[in-house]
Amino acid sequence: MPTATQLAVFYATASKILRRKVIPDDDAQLRTLPAPSGESMLLMPLALPYDDAACRAAIAAATGVTPPSGRCCIVHDSGDIIEVCNADPTLDSHPQGKIIASESAGLGDRYIDGVFLRQYVLPSRSSKSVLSTAWLPIVDLPPVPSMNVFRTATAHQATALRAADAPTLGGE
């Protein structure tokens, strides 16, 4: 039966990104857990919440720095985003591409010349027909507290539809 009273929270020393949590069988095992290069370890009581948000709050309290989410995209050499993951771009690598941090970009988007792009369908102002598509920059907006508050977007983004969500023309 587990007798541990604490868990180990590992985070990236430089970026403060949460890396993982380890719950031991007993507290003695905590002394044998090495922090890998580039990482630090923080101990938290198991009696308190230890979900990701609670662990990030503990990291912030211990370091004085609010940790980023760690949400990243794997960018293929072509510029296409092929996967979304949690990682630290300074510590992690991926065999299929470069790891780039982004709160908003995802599958189907692109990363060209240091900018995340999303393909939008630009509707005609006079009818519902589609004039063209365009790759527009994605703006990483800061998180908004949930209270039915809407995020604002650029004028282009507000009037454009995401290409993947647009209806096809002519029943195609």
C-alpha atoms as a PDB file:
ATOM      1  CA  MET A   1       0.000   0.000   0.000  1.00  0.00           C
ATOM      2  CA  PRO A   2       1.438   3.414  -0.949  1.00  0.00           C
ATOM      3  CA  THR A   3       2.482   5.549   2.002  1.00  0.00           C
ATOM      4  CA  ALA A   4       3.831   8.572   0.126  1.00  0.00           C
ATOM      5  CA  THR A   5       2.818  12.017   1.338  1.00  0.00           C
ATOM      6  CA  GLN A   6       4.472  13.974  -1.483  1.00  0.00           C
ATOM      7  CA  LEU A   7       4.904  13.867  -5.235  1.00  0.00           C
ATOM      8  CA  ALA A   8       7.753  15.125  -7.392  1.00  0.00           C
ATOM      9  CA  VAL A   9       7.006  17.762 -10.015  1.00  0.00           C
ATOM     10  CA  PHE A  10       9.666  18.137 -12.692  1.00  0.00           C
ATOM     11  CA  TYR A  11       9.884  21.358 -14.699  1.00  0.00           C
ATOM     12  CA  ALA A  12      12.324  22.859 -17.185  1.00  0.00           C
ATOM     13  CA  THR A  13      14.802  24.956 -15.221  1.00  0.00           C
ATOM     14  CA  ALA A  14      15.083  27.718 -17.851  1.00  0.00           C
ATOM     15  CA  SER A  15      11.522  27.971 -19.224  1.00  0.00           C
ATOM     16  CA  LYS A  16       9.639  26.643 -16.153  1.00  0.00           C
ATOM     17  CA  ILE A  17       7.491  24.403 -18.407  1.00  0.00           C
ATOM     18  CA  LEU A  18       5.889  21.513 -16.495  1.00  0.00           C
ATOM     19  CA  ARG A  19       7.554  18.284 -17.687  1.00  0.00           C
ATOM     20  CA  ARG A  20       6.038  15.480 -15.606  1.00  0.00           C
ATOM     21  CA  LYS A  21       4.775  14.370 -12.178  1.00  0.00           C
ATOM     22  CA  VAL A  22       5.981  11.310 -10.275  1.00  0.00           C
ATOM     23  CA  ILE A  23       3.957   9.786  -7.456  1.00  0.00           C
ATOM     24  CA  PRO A  24       6.142   7.380  -5.478  1.00  0.00           C
ATOM     25  CA  ASP A  25       5.069   4.448  -3.349  1.00  0.00           C
ATOM     26  CA  ASP A  26       6.759   6.041  -0.346  1.00  0.00           C
ATOM     27  CA  ASP A  27       8.611   9.286   0.410  1.00  0.00           C
ATOM     28  CA  ALA A  28      12.002   7.522   0.501  1.00  0.00           C
ATOM     29  CA  GLN A  29      11.753   6.981  -3.268  1.00  0.00           C
ATOM     30  CA  LEU A  30      11.728  10.748  -3.774  1.00  0.00           C
ATOM     31  CA  ARG A  31      15.380  10.922  -2.661  1.00  0.00           C
ATOM     32  CA  THR A  32      16.358   8.550  -5.457  1.00  0.00           C
ATOM     33  CA  LEU A  33      14.722  10.538  -8.279  1.00  0.00           C
ATOM     34  CA  PRO A  34      17.372  12.408 -10.236  1.00  0.00           C
ATOM     35  CA  ALA A  35      16.431  15.597 -12.088  1.00  0.00           C
ATOM     36  CA  PRO A  36      17.653  15.234 -15.684  1.00  0.00           C
ATOM     37  CA  SER A  37      19.897  17.887 -17.168  1.00  0.00           C
ATOM     38  CA  GLY A  38      17.944  21.089 -17.756  1.00  0.00           C
ATOM     39  CA  GLU A  39      15.220  20.155 -15.295  1.00  0.00           C
ATOM     40  CA  SER A  40      14.468  20.940 -11.665  1.00  0.00           C
ATOM     41  CA  MET A  41      12.320  19.082  -9.140  1.00  0.00           C
ATOM     42  CA  LEU A  42       9.726  20.483  -6.779  1.00  0.00           C
ATOM     43  CA  LEU A  43       7.984  18.503  -4.040  1.00  0.00           C
ATOM     44  CA  MET A  44       4.242  18.935  -3.457  1.00  0.00           C
ATOM     45  CA  PRO A  45       1.970  17.400  -0.824  1.00  0.00           C
ATOM     46  CA  LEU A  46      -0.309  14.665  -2.144  1.00  0.00           C
ATOM     47  CA  ALA A  47      -3.019  16.020   0.153  1.00  0.00           C
ATOM     48  CA  LEU A  48      -3.371  19.076  -2.108  1.00  0.00           C
ATOM     49  CA  PRO A  49      -4.579  19.101  -5.724  1.00  0.00           C
ATOM     50  CA  TYR A  50      -1.855  18.165  -8.217  1.00  0.00           C
ATOM     51  CA  ASP A  51      -3.517  18.589 -11.582  1.00  0.00           C
ATOM     52  CA  ASP A  52      -1.489  20.473 -14.214  1.00  0.00           C
ATOM     53  CA  ALA A  53      -2.904  23.871 -13.187  1.00  0.00           C
ATOM     54  CA  ALA A  54      -2.009  23.286  -9.529  1.00  0.00           C
ATOM     55  CA  CYS A  55       1.494  22.133 -10.477  1.00  0.00           C
ATOM     56  CA  ARG A  56       2.022  25.201 -12.683  1.00  0.00           C
ATOM     57  CA  ALA A  57       0.862  27.412  -9.812  1.00  0.00           C
ATOM     58  CA  ALA A  58       3.363  25.691  -7.473  1.00  0.00           C
ATOM     59  CA  ILE A  59       6.152  26.197 -10.036  1.00  0.00           C
ATOM     60  CA  ALA A  60       5.208  29.895 -10.283  1.00  0.00           C
ATOM     61  CA  ALA A  61       5.174  30.250  -6.489  1.00  0.00           C
ATOM     62  CA  ALA A  62       8.575  28.552  -6.145  1.00  0.00           C
ATOM     63  CA  THR A  63      10.311  30.377  -9.003  1.00  0.00           C
ATOM     64  CA  GLY A  64       8.499  33.702  -9.297  1.00  0.00           C
ATOM     65  CA  VAL A  65       7.883  32.974 -13.004  1.00  0.00           C
ATOM     66  CA  THR A  66       4.557  31.960 -14.530  1.00  0.00           C
ATOM     67  CA  PRO A  67       5.262  28.842 -16.600  1.00  0.00           C
ATOM     68  CA  PRO A  68       4.122  28.763 -20.223  1.00  0.00           C
ATOM     69  CA  SER A  69       1.717  25.985 -21.185  1.00  0.00           C
ATOM     70  CA  GLY A  70       4.289  23.988 -23.146  1.00  0.00           C
ATOM     71  CA  ARG A  71       1.899  23.649 -26.121  1.00  0.00           C
ATOM     72  CA  CYS A  72       3.990  23.235 -29.255  1.00  0.00           C
ATOM     73  CA  CYS A  73       3.703  22.266 -32.904  1.00  0.00           C
ATOM     74  CA  ILE A  74       5.904  19.864 -34.843  1.00  0.00           C
ATOM     75  CA  VAL A  75       6.794  21.695 -38.052  1.00  0.00           C
ATOM     76  CA  HIS A  76       7.883  19.583 -41.033  1.00  0.00           C
ATOM     77  CA  ASP A  77      10.646  20.879 -43.338  1.00  0.00           C
ATOM     78  CA  SER A  78       7.870  21.858 -45.778  1.00  0.00           C
ATOM     79  CA  GLY A  79       6.443  24.273 -43.195  1.00  0.00           C
ATOM     80  CA  ASP A  80       3.347  22.128 -42.599  1.00  0.00           C
ATOM     81  CA  ILE A  81       2.327  21.514 -38.989  1.00  0.00           C
ATOM     82  CA  ILE A  82       2.142  17.755 -38.630  1.00  0.00           C
ATOM     83  CA  GLU A  83       1.452  17.364 -34.897  1.00  0.00           C
ATOM     84  CA  VAL A  84       0.602  19.283 -31.719  1.00  0.00           C
ATOM     85  CA  CYS A  85       2.250  18.277 -28.443  1.00  0.00           C
ATOM     86  CA  ASN A  86       3.440  19.453 -25.042  1.00  0.00           C
ATOM     87  CA  ALA A  87       7.184  20.027 -25.051  1.00  0.00           C
ATOM     88  CA  ASP A  88      10.021  22.429 -24.343  1.00  0.00           C
ATOM     89  CA  PRO A  89      11.674  23.453 -27.638  1.00  0.00           C
ATOM     90  CA  THR A  90      15.021  23.975 -25.877  1.00  0.00           C
ATOM     91  CA  LEU A  91      15.080  20.480 -24.341  1.00  0.00           C
ATOM     92  CA  ASP A  92      13.103  18.317 -26.764  1.00  0.00           C
ATOM     93  CA  SER A  93      13.491  17.273 -30.375  1.00  0.00           C
ATOM     94  CA  HIS A  94      11.346  15.361 -32.841  1.00  0.00           C
ATOM     95  CA  PRO A  95      12.554  13.145 -35.718  1.00  0.00           C
ATOM     96  CA  GLN A  96       9.963  14.531 -38.167  1.00  0.00           C
ATOM     97  CA  GLY A  97      10.510  18.249 -37.670  1.00  0.00           C
ATOM     98  CA  LYS A  98      11.262  21.244 -35.516  1.00  0.00           C
ATOM     99  CA  ILE A  99       9.376  21.944 -32.272  1.00  0.00           C
ATOM    100  CA  ILE A 100       7.924  25.469 -32.134  1.00  0.00           C
ATOM    101  CA  ALA A 101       5.798  26.888 -29.284  1.00  0.00           C
ATOM    102  CA  SER A 102       2.294  28.099 -30.178  1.00  0.00           C
ATOM    103  CA  GLU A 103      -0.929  28.470 -28.209  1.00  0.00           C
ATOM    104  CA  SER A 104      -3.116  28.578 -31.337  1.00  0.00           C
ATOM    105  CA  ALA A 105      -1.587  26.879 -34.375  1.00  0.00           C
ATOM    106  CA  GLY A 106      -2.572  23.330 -35.230  1.00  0.00           C
ATOM    107  CA  LEU A 107      -2.851  20.647 -37.873  1.00  0.00           C
ATOM    108  CA  GLY A 108      -3.446  22.154 -41.309  1.00  0.00           C
ATOM    109  CA  ASP A 109      -1.645  25.385 -40.452  1.00  0.00           C
ATOM    110  CA  ARG A 110       1.826  26.329 -41.696  1.00  0.00           C
ATOM    111  CA  TYR A 111       4.980  27.911 -40.267  1.00  0.00           C
ATOM    112  CA  ILE A 112       6.824  30.012 -42.852  1.00  0.00           C
ATOM    113  CA  ASP A 113       9.643  32.512 -42.203  1.00  0.00           C
ATOM    114  CA  GLY A 114       8.999  32.495 -38.449  1.00  0.00           C
ATOM    115  CA  VAL A 115       5.231  33.107 -38.718  1.00  0.00           C
ATOM    116  CA  PHE A 116       2.341  30.693 -38.132  1.00  0.00           C
ATOM    117  CA  LEU A 117      -0.200  30.913 -40.963  1.00  0.00           C
ATOM    118  CA  ARG A 118      -3.754  29.613 -41.353  1.00  0.00           C
ATOM    119  CA  GLN A 119      -5.609  29.276 -44.640  1.00  0.00           C
ATOM    120  CA  TYR A 120      -8.841  31.238 -44.755  1.00  0.00           C
ATOM    121  CA  VAL A 121     -11.549  31.414 -47.380  1.00  0.00           C
ATOM    122  CA  LEU A 122     -12.308  35.038 -48.198  1.00  0.00           C
ATOM    123  CA  PRO A 123     -15.995  35.481 -48.962  1.00  0.00           C
ATOM    124  CA  SER A 124     -17.316  37.976 -51.483  1.00  0.00           C
ATOM    125  CA  ARG A 125     -18.836  41.083 -49.939  1.00  0.00           C
ATOM    126  CA  SER A 126     -21.735  41.016 -52.426  1.00  0.00           C
ATOM    127  CA  SER A 127     -22.699  37.332 -52.320  1.00  0.00           C
ATOM    128  CA  LYS A 128     -21.975  34.057 -50.583  1.00  0.00           C
ATOM    129  CA  SER A 129     -19.569  32.905 -53.281  1.00  0.00           C
ATOM    130  CA  VAL A 130     -15.925  32.419 -52.435  1.00  0.00           C
ATOM    131  CA  LEU A 131     -13.486  34.753 -54.161  1.00  0.00           C
ATOM    132  CA  SER A 132     -10.231  33.249 -52.989  1.00  0.00           C
ATOM    133  CA  THR A 133      -8.276  31.686 -50.164  1.00  0.00           C
ATOM    134  CA  ALA A 134      -5.423  33.327 -48.311  1.00  0.00           C
ATOM    135  CA  TRP A 135      -2.811  32.289 -45.761  1.00  0.00           C
ATOM    136  CA  LEU A 136      -3.039  34.822 -42.924  1.00  0.00           C
ATOM    137  CA  PRO A 137      -0.938  35.091 -39.759  1.00  0.00           C
ATOM    138  CA  ILE A 138      -2.321  33.446 -36.640  1.00  0.00           C
ATOM    139  CA  VAL A 139      -2.333  35.724 -33.631  1.00  0.00           C
ATOM    140  CA  ASP A 140      -1.649  34.019 -30.302  1.00  0.00           C
ATOM    141  CA  LEU A 141      -4.129  35.778 -28.056  1.00  0.00           C
ATOM    142  CA  PRO A 142      -3.655  35.732 -24.302  1.00  0.00           C
ATOM    143  CA  PRO A 143      -6.008  33.430 -22.404  1.00  0.00           C
ATOM    144  CA  VAL A 144      -9.326  35.047 -21.509  1.00  0.00           C
ATOM    145  CA  PRO A 145     -11.002  34.155 -18.222  1.00  0.00           C
ATOM    146  CA  SER A 146     -14.102  32.109 -18.893  1.00  0.00           C
ATOM    147  CA  MET A 147     -17.201  34.199 -18.325  1.00  0.00           C
ATOM    148  CA  ASN A 148     -18.644  34.028 -21.832  1.00  0.00           C
ATOM    149  CA  VAL A 149     -16.104  36.631 -22.951  1.00  0.00           C
ATOM    150  CA  PHE A 150     -15.193  36.496 -26.632  1.00  0.00           C
ATOM    151  CA  ARG A 151     -11.655  36.982 -27.915  1.00  0.00           C
ATOM    152  CA  THR A 152     -11.175  39.773 -30.415  1.00  0.00           C
ATOM    153  CA  ALA A 153      -9.443  39.123 -33.725  1.00  0.00           C
ATOM    154  CA  THR A 154      -7.979  41.140 -36.547  1.00  0.00           C
ATOM    155  CA  ALA A 155     -10.406  42.498 -39.141  1.00  0.00           C
ATOM    156  CA  HIS A 156      -9.192  39.935 -41.686  1.00  0.00           C
ATOM    157  CA  GLN A 157      -9.741  37.092 -39.269  1.00  0.00           C
ATOM    158  CA  ALA A 158     -13.155  38.383 -38.230  1.00  0.00           C
ATOM    159  CA  THR A 159     -14.444  38.477 -41.812  1.00  0.00           C
ATOM    160  CA  ALA A 160     -12.706  35.350 -43.052  1.00  0.00           C
ATOM    161  CA  LEU A 161     -13.747  31.746 -42.622  1.00  0.00           C
ATOM    162  CA  ARG A 162     -11.218  29.055 -41.934  1.00  0.00           C
ATOM    163  CA  ALA A 163     -10.743  27.099 -45.181  1.00  0.00           C
ATOM    164  CA  ALA A 164     -11.330  23.750 -43.492  1.00  0.00           C
ATOM    165  CA  ASP A 165     -14.709  24.948 -42.192  1.00  0.00           C
ATOM    166  CA  ALA A 166     -15.966  26.461 -45.459  1.00  0.00           C
ATOM    167  CA  PRO A 167     -18.719  24.717 -47.409  1.00  0.00           C
ATOM    168  CA  THR A 168     -17.761  23.351 -50.797  1.00  0.00           C
ATOM    169  CA  LEU A 169     -19.143  24.963 -53.910  1.00  0.00           C
ATOM    170  CA  GLY A 170     -21.136  23.053 -56.488  1.00  0.00           C
ATOM    171  CA  GLY A 171     -21.615  20.049 -54.189  1.00  0.00           C
ATOM    172  CA  GLU A 172     -17.950  19.007 -54.422  1.00  0.00           C
END
